[in-house]
Every structure is written in C-alpha cells, then in structure tokens.
Amino acid sequence: METNKNLLISPSILSADFTRLGEEIRAVEDAGADWLHIDVMDGHFVPNITIGPMIVAAAKRVAGIPLDVHLMISDPDYYLEGFHEAGADILTVHPEATHHLHRTLTRIRDLGMKAGAALNPSTGLEAVKHVLAELDVVMIMTVSPGFGGQSFIPTMLPKVRELRAMIDASGYDILIEIDGGVSPKTAPDIALSGADVFVAGSAVFGSPNYKEVIDELRGAGRQ
C-alpha cells in the first residue's frame, strides 16, 4: 500500500522547555508545524496535572497556527467556554469524560471551534460511530494518556485502518489524528494506516533540529 498525502504536524508543548515557552512555540512554527498541540490534564481523568486556559491564552498570543487543545479532564463541558475564550481552535474531548458526547461536540462547534473525540487504546470505535456528523477530528491514542515520552503501541495500527475505512464510508470530512509515540521511526506505518495528523512531543522538542524532524514526519505521508 502506498500513500501520498500532506500530513499535518502538531508538536506537543508538553515536551517543550516551559522556561522559554514563547521561544519554543515560535521555533516549531518557523520549523513548519501546522498546529500546536496542548495537552490539558486534571490529575483525575489521567494521572497527571498539566496546564489550563491561562497557558492556552499565553500560547495564543504567540502562535500564528491553530491551537490543537486536547482535554484529558473529567466533565469537560464545564470548561468549553473557558478554552474557547482562551483561544483554542480545535477542542478534543474523551467520550468517557462526558455524559452526552453529541451535546458536547455540538457545543464545541457552536462556540466556533473544530470538535474532536479522543479514543484511548482500550476504547473502541463504537464510541464515535454515531456522532461522526458532529466531528472534525478523531484522535487515536497510541499510548495510554497521561505522560509524554511513552512508546508507541503497534497494535493500534489496525484500529487506525478500521477508523479510516469507517470515515471514508461515512462521507464526512474528518481528520484522523495520532497521539503517542509518534517519531520518524513509527510515522511511516502510521501514515500507511490512514492518519492525517501527527502529534509529536519528545520527537520534535527532544531534537536539536525541529525542522528536520518535522520534515521527516511529514515525509512519511509520501511513501
């Protein structure tokens, strides 16, 4: 199987140097990043605490690319307006975290953001099958969420392929985003499985040359 698509690269600031976050954001943008990925964790839905709307607002003042905000939090409905006001362009929630996923997704869109749903490794595609019409992005977690720098779970590739087939059959324009363990080594197989967007944290920010890594990741879509 061959692929020839323009992959979008969304570096995750979870792996950035927070003592100079503004410089880091400008650096990945200058290196060709398409989106900027911001992981929000509450220490409840996932076993880690990261950042909130204040950092999103700070990133918005610096970034010229869309802010791709991933809410790994319980009861995200209470915070949709806050992240919209902070400047989120894409807002992704986990089906398990909200009681009424359809309502949550439509509210995200009503606020003017693109709506996403993230699926943990153990969460099946059935969780989003009946809300495809309300989605702009489906994120496949290829690690268990909560911490950066984890290894890619290769058994997620069939799930990506199955999601690709589901979306193509639906006729909806939905991007498949992959988050977890994405690197130049894992990217080709992920791209061949049907991904559209790569989230990359340590692979980008842990490299001495951001542009080189971003170009290499994007090149996985042209095999």
C-alpha atoms as a PDB file:
ATOM      1  CA  MET A   1       0.000   0.000   0.000  1.00  0.00           C
ATOM      2  CA  GLU A   2       1.243   3.470  -0.884  1.00  0.00           C
ATOM      3  CA  THR A   3       0.218   6.861   0.426  1.00  0.00           C
ATOM      4  CA  ASN A   4       0.647  10.350  -0.937  1.00  0.00           C
ATOM      5  CA  LYS A   5      -0.879  12.900   1.348  1.00  0.00           C
ATOM      6  CA  ASN A   6       0.110  16.113   3.059  1.00  0.00           C
ATOM      7  CA  LEU A   7       0.298  15.159   6.710  1.00  0.00           C
ATOM      8  CA  LEU A   8      -0.292  17.834   9.328  1.00  0.00           C
ATOM      9  CA  ILE A   9       2.219  18.034  12.176  1.00  0.00           C
ATOM     10  CA  SER A  10       1.083  19.178  15.629  1.00  0.00           C
ATOM     11  CA  PRO A  11       4.041  19.409  18.047  1.00  0.00           C
ATOM     12  CA  SER A  12       3.021  18.882  21.668  1.00  0.00           C
ATOM     13  CA  ILE A  13       4.253  21.576  24.043  1.00  0.00           C
ATOM     14  CA  LEU A  14       4.140  19.015  26.855  1.00  0.00           C
ATOM     15  CA  SER A  15       7.730  18.245  25.821  1.00  0.00           C
ATOM     16  CA  ALA A  16       8.782  21.870  25.349  1.00  0.00           C
ATOM     17  CA  ASP A  17      11.011  23.891  27.657  1.00  0.00           C
ATOM     18  CA  PHE A  18       8.424  25.820  29.683  1.00  0.00           C
ATOM     19  CA  THR A  19      11.032  28.289  30.915  1.00  0.00           C
ATOM     20  CA  ARG A  20      11.045  29.702  27.388  1.00  0.00           C
ATOM     21  CA  LEU A  21       7.704  28.574  26.034  1.00  0.00           C
ATOM     22  CA  GLY A  22       7.181  31.545  23.732  1.00  0.00           C
ATOM     23  CA  GLU A  23      10.508  30.892  22.002  1.00  0.00           C
ATOM     24  CA  GLU A  24       9.680  27.191  21.686  1.00  0.00           C
ATOM     25  CA  ILE A  25       6.324  27.944  20.070  1.00  0.00           C
ATOM     26  CA  ARG A  26       7.896  30.340  17.580  1.00  0.00           C
ATOM     27  CA  ALA A  27      10.630  27.813  16.836  1.00  0.00           C
ATOM     28  CA  VAL A  28       8.294  24.943  15.915  1.00  0.00           C
ATOM     29  CA  GLU A  29       6.106  27.308  13.914  1.00  0.00           C
ATOM     30  CA  ASP A  30       9.155  28.553  11.992  1.00  0.00           C
ATOM     31  CA  ALA A  31      10.145  24.892  11.515  1.00  0.00           C
ATOM     32  CA  GLY A  32       6.900  24.202   9.656  1.00  0.00           C
ATOM     33  CA  ALA A  33       4.432  22.987  12.299  1.00  0.00           C
ATOM     34  CA  ASP A  34       0.820  23.124  11.134  1.00  0.00           C
ATOM     35  CA  TRP A  35      -0.894  23.066  14.547  1.00  0.00           C
ATOM     36  CA  LEU A  36       0.274  23.461  18.125  1.00  0.00           C
ATOM     37  CA  HIS A  37      -0.835  20.640  20.421  1.00  0.00           C
ATOM     38  CA  ILE A  38      -1.684  21.496  24.021  1.00  0.00           C
ATOM     39  CA  ASP A  39      -2.379  18.679  26.492  1.00  0.00           C
ATOM     40  CA  VAL A  40      -4.664  19.600  29.380  1.00  0.00           C
ATOM     41  CA  MET A  41      -4.674  17.069  32.237  1.00  0.00           C
ATOM     42  CA  ASP A  42      -6.528  17.312  35.536  1.00  0.00           C
ATOM     43  CA  GLY A  43      -4.971  14.579  37.685  1.00  0.00           C
ATOM     44  CA  HIS A  44      -8.353  12.852  37.758  1.00  0.00           C
ATOM     45  CA  PHE A  45      -9.189  11.594  34.283  1.00  0.00           C
ATOM     46  CA  VAL A  46      -5.472  10.888  33.808  1.00  0.00           C
ATOM     47  CA  PRO A  47      -2.768  10.541  36.487  1.00  0.00           C
ATOM     48  CA  ASN A  48      -1.022  13.833  35.803  1.00  0.00           C
ATOM     49  CA  ILE A  49      -1.697  17.555  36.125  1.00  0.00           C
ATOM     50  CA  THR A  50      -0.506  19.942  33.429  1.00  0.00           C
ATOM     51  CA  ILE A  51      -1.982  23.253  32.334  1.00  0.00           C
ATOM     52  CA  GLY A  52      -5.230  25.142  31.888  1.00  0.00           C
ATOM     53  CA  PRO A  53      -6.764  28.027  29.940  1.00  0.00           C
ATOM     54  CA  MET A  54      -4.130  30.504  31.155  1.00  0.00           C
ATOM     55  CA  ILE A  55      -1.342  28.735  29.231  1.00  0.00           C
ATOM     56  CA  VAL A  56      -3.608  28.332  26.196  1.00  0.00           C
ATOM     57  CA  ALA A  57      -4.218  32.089  26.256  1.00  0.00           C
ATOM     58  CA  ALA A  58      -0.480  32.738  26.558  1.00  0.00           C
ATOM     59  CA  ALA A  59       0.232  30.414  23.621  1.00  0.00           C
ATOM     60  CA  LYS A  60      -2.444  32.185  21.569  1.00  0.00           C
ATOM     61  CA  ARG A  61      -0.600  35.486  21.975  1.00  0.00           C
ATOM     62  CA  VAL A  62       2.483  33.924  20.390  1.00  0.00           C
ATOM     63  CA  ALA A  63       1.240  31.311  17.911  1.00  0.00           C
ATOM     64  CA  GLY A  64       0.094  32.061  14.397  1.00  0.00           C
ATOM     65  CA  ILE A  65      -1.028  28.474  13.808  1.00  0.00           C
ATOM     66  CA  PRO A  66      -4.181  26.763  15.176  1.00  0.00           C
ATOM     67  CA  LEU A  67      -4.152  25.650  18.803  1.00  0.00           C
ATOM     68  CA  ASP A  68      -4.992  21.951  18.994  1.00  0.00           C
ATOM     69  CA  VAL A  69      -6.225  21.553  22.580  1.00  0.00           C
ATOM     70  CA  HIS A  70      -6.678  18.051  23.976  1.00  0.00           C
ATOM     71  CA  LEU A  71      -8.793  17.900  27.135  1.00  0.00           C
ATOM     72  CA  MET A  72      -7.826  14.886  29.226  1.00  0.00           C
ATOM     73  CA  ILE A  73     -10.150  16.012  32.003  1.00  0.00           C
ATOM     74  CA  SER A  74     -13.334  14.911  33.716  1.00  0.00           C
ATOM     75  CA  ASP A  75     -16.539  16.850  32.975  1.00  0.00           C
ATOM     76  CA  PRO A  76     -15.104  18.872  30.074  1.00  0.00           C
ATOM     77  CA  ASP A  77     -18.493  20.519  29.453  1.00  0.00           C
ATOM     78  CA  TYR A  78     -17.836  22.921  32.329  1.00  0.00           C
ATOM     79  CA  TYR A  79     -14.733  24.269  30.605  1.00  0.00           C
ATOM     80  CA  LEU A  80     -15.652  24.544  26.920  1.00  0.00           C
ATOM     81  CA  GLU A  81     -16.350  28.276  27.052  1.00  0.00           C
ATOM     82  CA  GLY A  82     -13.164  28.926  29.016  1.00  0.00           C
ATOM     83  CA  PHE A  83     -10.943  27.208  26.473  1.00  0.00           C
ATOM     84  CA  HIS A  84     -12.773  28.942  23.631  1.00  0.00           C
ATOM     85  CA  GLU A  85     -12.148  32.310  25.258  1.00  0.00           C
ATOM     86  CA  ALA A  86      -8.504  31.346  25.788  1.00  0.00           C
ATOM     87  CA  GLY A  87      -8.087  30.800  22.046  1.00  0.00           C
ATOM     88  CA  ALA A  88      -8.474  27.092  21.313  1.00  0.00           C
ATOM     89  CA  ASP A  89      -9.144  26.397  17.620  1.00  0.00           C
ATOM     90  CA  ILE A  90      -9.599  22.620  17.878  1.00  0.00           C
ATOM     91  CA  LEU A  91     -11.005  21.157  21.101  1.00  0.00           C
ATOM     92  CA  THR A  92     -10.852  17.408  21.654  1.00  0.00           C
ATOM     93  CA  VAL A  93     -12.595  15.510  24.458  1.00  0.00           C
ATOM     94  CA  HIS A  94     -12.748  11.874  25.557  1.00  0.00           C
ATOM     95  CA  PRO A  95     -16.122  10.103  25.220  1.00  0.00           C
ATOM     96  CA  GLU A  96     -15.706   8.556  28.685  1.00  0.00           C
ATOM     97  CA  ALA A  97     -15.364  12.008  30.263  1.00  0.00           C
ATOM     98  CA  THR A  98     -18.712  13.403  29.175  1.00  0.00           C
ATOM     99  CA  HIS A  99     -22.218  12.073  29.756  1.00  0.00           C
ATOM    100  CA  HIS A 100     -23.585  13.311  26.407  1.00  0.00           C
ATOM    101  CA  LEU A 101     -20.900  13.277  23.725  1.00  0.00           C
ATOM    102  CA  HIS A 102     -23.216  14.516  20.966  1.00  0.00           C
ATOM    103  CA  ARG A 103     -24.201  17.537  23.053  1.00  0.00           C
ATOM    104  CA  THR A 104     -20.591  18.284  23.945  1.00  0.00           C
ATOM    105  CA  LEU A 105     -19.415  18.129  20.330  1.00  0.00           C
ATOM    106  CA  THR A 106     -22.236  20.318  19.052  1.00  0.00           C
ATOM    107  CA  ARG A 107     -21.496  22.866  21.782  1.00  0.00           C
ATOM    108  CA  ILE A 108     -17.823  22.962  20.774  1.00  0.00           C
ATOM    109  CA  ARG A 109     -18.851  23.686  17.189  1.00  0.00           C
ATOM    110  CA  ASP A 110     -21.458  26.232  18.257  1.00  0.00           C
ATOM    111  CA  LEU A 111     -18.668  28.117  20.016  1.00  0.00           C
ATOM    112  CA  GLY A 112     -16.779  28.273  16.724  1.00  0.00           C
ATOM    113  CA  MET A 113     -14.133  25.615  17.334  1.00  0.00           C
ATOM    114  CA  LYS A 114     -13.484  22.369  15.497  1.00  0.00           C
ATOM    115  CA  ALA A 115     -14.673  19.365  17.501  1.00  0.00           C
ATOM    116  CA  GLY A 116     -12.626  16.280  18.237  1.00  0.00           C
ATOM    117  CA  ALA A 117     -13.024  12.998  20.101  1.00  0.00           C
ATOM    118  CA  ALA A 118     -10.058  11.080  21.504  1.00  0.00           C
ATOM    119  CA  LEU A 119     -10.081   7.316  21.855  1.00  0.00           C
ATOM    120  CA  ASN A 120      -7.874   5.664  24.474  1.00  0.00           C
ATOM    121  CA  PRO A 121      -6.156   2.409  23.446  1.00  0.00           C
ATOM    122  CA  SER A 122      -8.919   0.344  25.079  1.00  0.00           C
ATOM    123  CA  THR A 123     -11.792   2.484  23.757  1.00  0.00           C
ATOM    124  CA  GLY A 124     -13.479   1.070  20.661  1.00  0.00           C
ATOM    125  CA  LEU A 125     -14.592   2.906  17.545  1.00  0.00           C
ATOM    126  CA  GLU A 126     -18.184   2.298  18.579  1.00  0.00           C
ATOM    127  CA  ALA A 127     -17.768   5.301  20.901  1.00  0.00           C
ATOM    128  CA  VAL A 128     -17.772   7.684  17.914  1.00  0.00           C
ATOM    129  CA  LYS A 129     -19.663   5.678  15.293  1.00  0.00           C
ATOM    130  CA  HIS A 130     -22.940   7.503  15.855  1.00  0.00           C
ATOM    131  CA  VAL A 131     -21.543  11.049  16.198  1.00  0.00           C
ATOM    132  CA  LEU A 132     -19.403  11.242  13.054  1.00  0.00           C
ATOM    133  CA  ALA A 133     -21.582  14.046  11.712  1.00  0.00           C
ATOM    134  CA  GLU A 134     -20.508  16.218  14.648  1.00  0.00           C
ATOM    135  CA  LEU A 135     -16.776  15.538  14.367  1.00  0.00           C
ATOM    136  CA  ASP A 136     -13.917  17.306  12.627  1.00  0.00           C
ATOM    137  CA  VAL A 137     -11.173  15.176  14.194  1.00  0.00           C
ATOM    138  CA  VAL A 138     -10.914  11.705  15.704  1.00  0.00           C
ATOM    139  CA  MET A 139      -7.765  11.199  17.737  1.00  0.00           C
ATOM    140  CA  ILE A 140      -6.403   7.706  18.239  1.00  0.00           C
ATOM    141  CA  MET A 141      -4.294   7.481  21.376  1.00  0.00           C
ATOM    142  CA  THR A 142      -1.379   5.178  20.606  1.00  0.00           C
ATOM    143  CA  VAL A 143      -0.166   5.305  24.203  1.00  0.00           C
ATOM    144  CA  SER A 144      -2.140   5.322  27.436  1.00  0.00           C
ATOM    145  CA  PRO A 145      -2.731   9.037  28.099  1.00  0.00           C
ATOM    146  CA  GLY A 146      -1.201  10.956  30.951  1.00  0.00           C
ATOM    147  CA  PHE A 147       2.514  11.305  30.266  1.00  0.00           C
ATOM    148  CA  GLY A 148       4.759  12.280  27.381  1.00  0.00           C
ATOM    149  CA  GLY A 149       7.636  10.229  26.020  1.00  0.00           C
ATOM    150  CA  GLN A 150       5.886   6.842  26.016  1.00  0.00           C
ATOM    151  CA  SER A 151       6.439   4.106  23.441  1.00  0.00           C
ATOM    152  CA  PHE A 152       4.058   3.664  20.531  1.00  0.00           C
ATOM    153  CA  ILE A 153       1.617   0.739  20.847  1.00  0.00           C
ATOM    154  CA  PRO A 154       1.842  -1.032  17.451  1.00  0.00           C
ATOM    155  CA  THR A 155      -1.410  -2.958  17.951  1.00  0.00           C
ATOM    156  CA  MET A 156      -3.227   0.365  17.436  1.00  0.00           C
ATOM    157  CA  LEU A 157      -2.451   0.306  13.694  1.00  0.00           C
ATOM    158  CA  PRO A 158      -5.409  -1.972  12.815  1.00  0.00           C
ATOM    159  CA  LYS A 159      -7.632   0.405  14.774  1.00  0.00           C
ATOM    160  CA  VAL A 160      -6.395   3.322  12.666  1.00  0.00           C
ATOM    161  CA  ARG A 161      -7.104   1.360   9.481  1.00  0.00           C
ATOM    162  CA  GLU A 162     -10.579   0.459  10.691  1.00  0.00           C
ATOM    163  CA  LEU A 163     -11.298   4.093  11.548  1.00  0.00           C
ATOM    164  CA  ARG A 164     -10.038   5.181   8.120  1.00  0.00           C
ATOM    165  CA  ALA A 165     -12.485   2.790   6.457  1.00  0.00           C
ATOM    166  CA  MET A 166     -15.331   3.955   8.709  1.00  0.00           C
ATOM    167  CA  ILE A 167     -14.730   7.620   7.927  1.00  0.00           C
ATOM    168  CA  ASP A 168     -14.308   7.025   4.197  1.00  0.00           C
ATOM    169  CA  ALA A 169     -17.568   5.064   4.106  1.00  0.00           C
ATOM    170  CA  SER A 170     -19.377   7.815   6.021  1.00  0.00           C
ATOM    171  CA  GLY A 171     -18.579  10.544   3.511  1.00  0.00           C
ATOM    172  CA  TYR A 172     -17.750  13.018   6.283  1.00  0.00           C
ATOM    173  CA  ASP A 173     -14.619  15.168   6.163  1.00  0.00           C
ATOM    174  CA  ILE A 174     -12.934  14.031   9.372  1.00  0.00           C
ATOM    175  CA  LEU A 175      -9.216  14.038  10.106  1.00  0.00           C
ATOM    176  CA  ILE A 176      -7.531  11.150  11.900  1.00  0.00           C
ATOM    177  CA  GLU A 177      -5.041  12.419  14.452  1.00  0.00           C
ATOM    178  CA  ILE A 178      -2.476  10.138  16.090  1.00  0.00           C
ATOM    179  CA  ASP A 179      -1.140  10.956  19.550  1.00  0.00           C
ATOM    180  CA  GLY A 180       1.509   8.927  21.334  1.00  0.00           C
ATOM    181  CA  GLY A 181       4.941   7.659  20.455  1.00  0.00           C
ATOM    182  CA  VAL A 182       4.991   9.296  17.025  1.00  0.00           C
ATOM    183  CA  SER A 183       8.534   9.526  15.687  1.00  0.00           C
ATOM    184  CA  PRO A 184      10.325   9.262  12.335  1.00  0.00           C
ATOM    185  CA  LYS A 185      10.624   5.523  13.062  1.00  0.00           C
ATOM    186  CA  THR A 186       6.903   4.894  13.687  1.00  0.00           C
ATOM    187  CA  ALA A 187       5.497   7.513  11.300  1.00  0.00           C
ATOM    188  CA  PRO A 188       5.624   5.547   8.008  1.00  0.00           C
ATOM    189  CA  ASP A 189       3.450   2.685   9.272  1.00  0.00           C
ATOM    190  CA  ILE A 190       1.023   5.129  10.887  1.00  0.00           C
ATOM    191  CA  ALA A 191       0.733   7.123   7.683  1.00  0.00           C
ATOM    192  CA  LEU A 192       0.116   3.964   5.646  1.00  0.00           C
ATOM    193  CA  SER A 193      -2.702   3.079   8.049  1.00  0.00           C
ATOM    194  CA  GLY A 194      -4.559   6.249   7.108  1.00  0.00           C
ATOM    195  CA  ALA A 195      -3.543   9.001   9.530  1.00  0.00           C
ATOM    196  CA  ASP A 196      -3.825  12.689   8.646  1.00  0.00           C
ATOM    197  CA  VAL A 197      -2.320  14.457  11.667  1.00  0.00           C
ATOM    198  CA  PHE A 198       0.690  13.543  13.795  1.00  0.00           C
ATOM    199  CA  VAL A 199       1.078  14.774  17.353  1.00  0.00           C
ATOM    200  CA  ALA A 200       4.766  14.670  18.243  1.00  0.00           C
ATOM    201  CA  GLY A 201       6.238  15.866  21.516  1.00  0.00           C
ATOM    202  CA  SER A 202       9.598  14.437  22.505  1.00  0.00           C
ATOM    203  CA  ALA A 203      10.421  13.533  18.894  1.00  0.00           C
ATOM    204  CA  VAL A 204      10.343  17.242  17.984  1.00  0.00           C
ATOM    205  CA  PHE A 205      11.316  19.084  21.154  1.00  0.00           C
ATOM    206  CA  GLY A 206      13.942  16.478  22.053  1.00  0.00           C
ATOM    207  CA  SER A 207      15.696  17.021  18.747  1.00  0.00           C
ATOM    208  CA  PRO A 208      18.393  19.651  18.101  1.00  0.00           C
ATOM    209  CA  ASN A 209      16.772  20.429  14.746  1.00  0.00           C
ATOM    210  CA  TYR A 210      12.973  20.896  14.876  1.00  0.00           C
ATOM    211  CA  LYS A 211      12.608  21.479  11.146  1.00  0.00           C
ATOM    212  CA  GLU A 212      14.490  18.331  10.234  1.00  0.00           C
ATOM    213  CA  VAL A 213      12.200  16.173  12.376  1.00  0.00           C
ATOM    214  CA  ILE A 214       9.003  17.889  11.233  1.00  0.00           C
ATOM    215  CA  ASP A 215      10.034  17.467   7.595  1.00  0.00           C
ATOM    216  CA  GLU A 216      10.862  13.799   8.201  1.00  0.00           C
ATOM    217  CA  LEU A 217       7.486  13.187   9.877  1.00  0.00           C
ATOM    218  CA  ARG A 218       5.651  14.914   7.036  1.00  0.00           C
ATOM    219  CA  GLY A 219       7.618  12.905   4.530  1.00  0.00           C
ATOM    220  CA  ALA A 220       6.053   9.720   5.919  1.00  0.00           C
ATOM    221  CA  GLY A 221       2.928  10.679   4.016  1.00  0.00           C
ATOM    222  CA  ARG A 222       4.741  10.470   0.689  1.00  0.00           C
ATOM    223  CA  GLN A 223       5.883   6.868   0.628  1.00  0.00           C
END
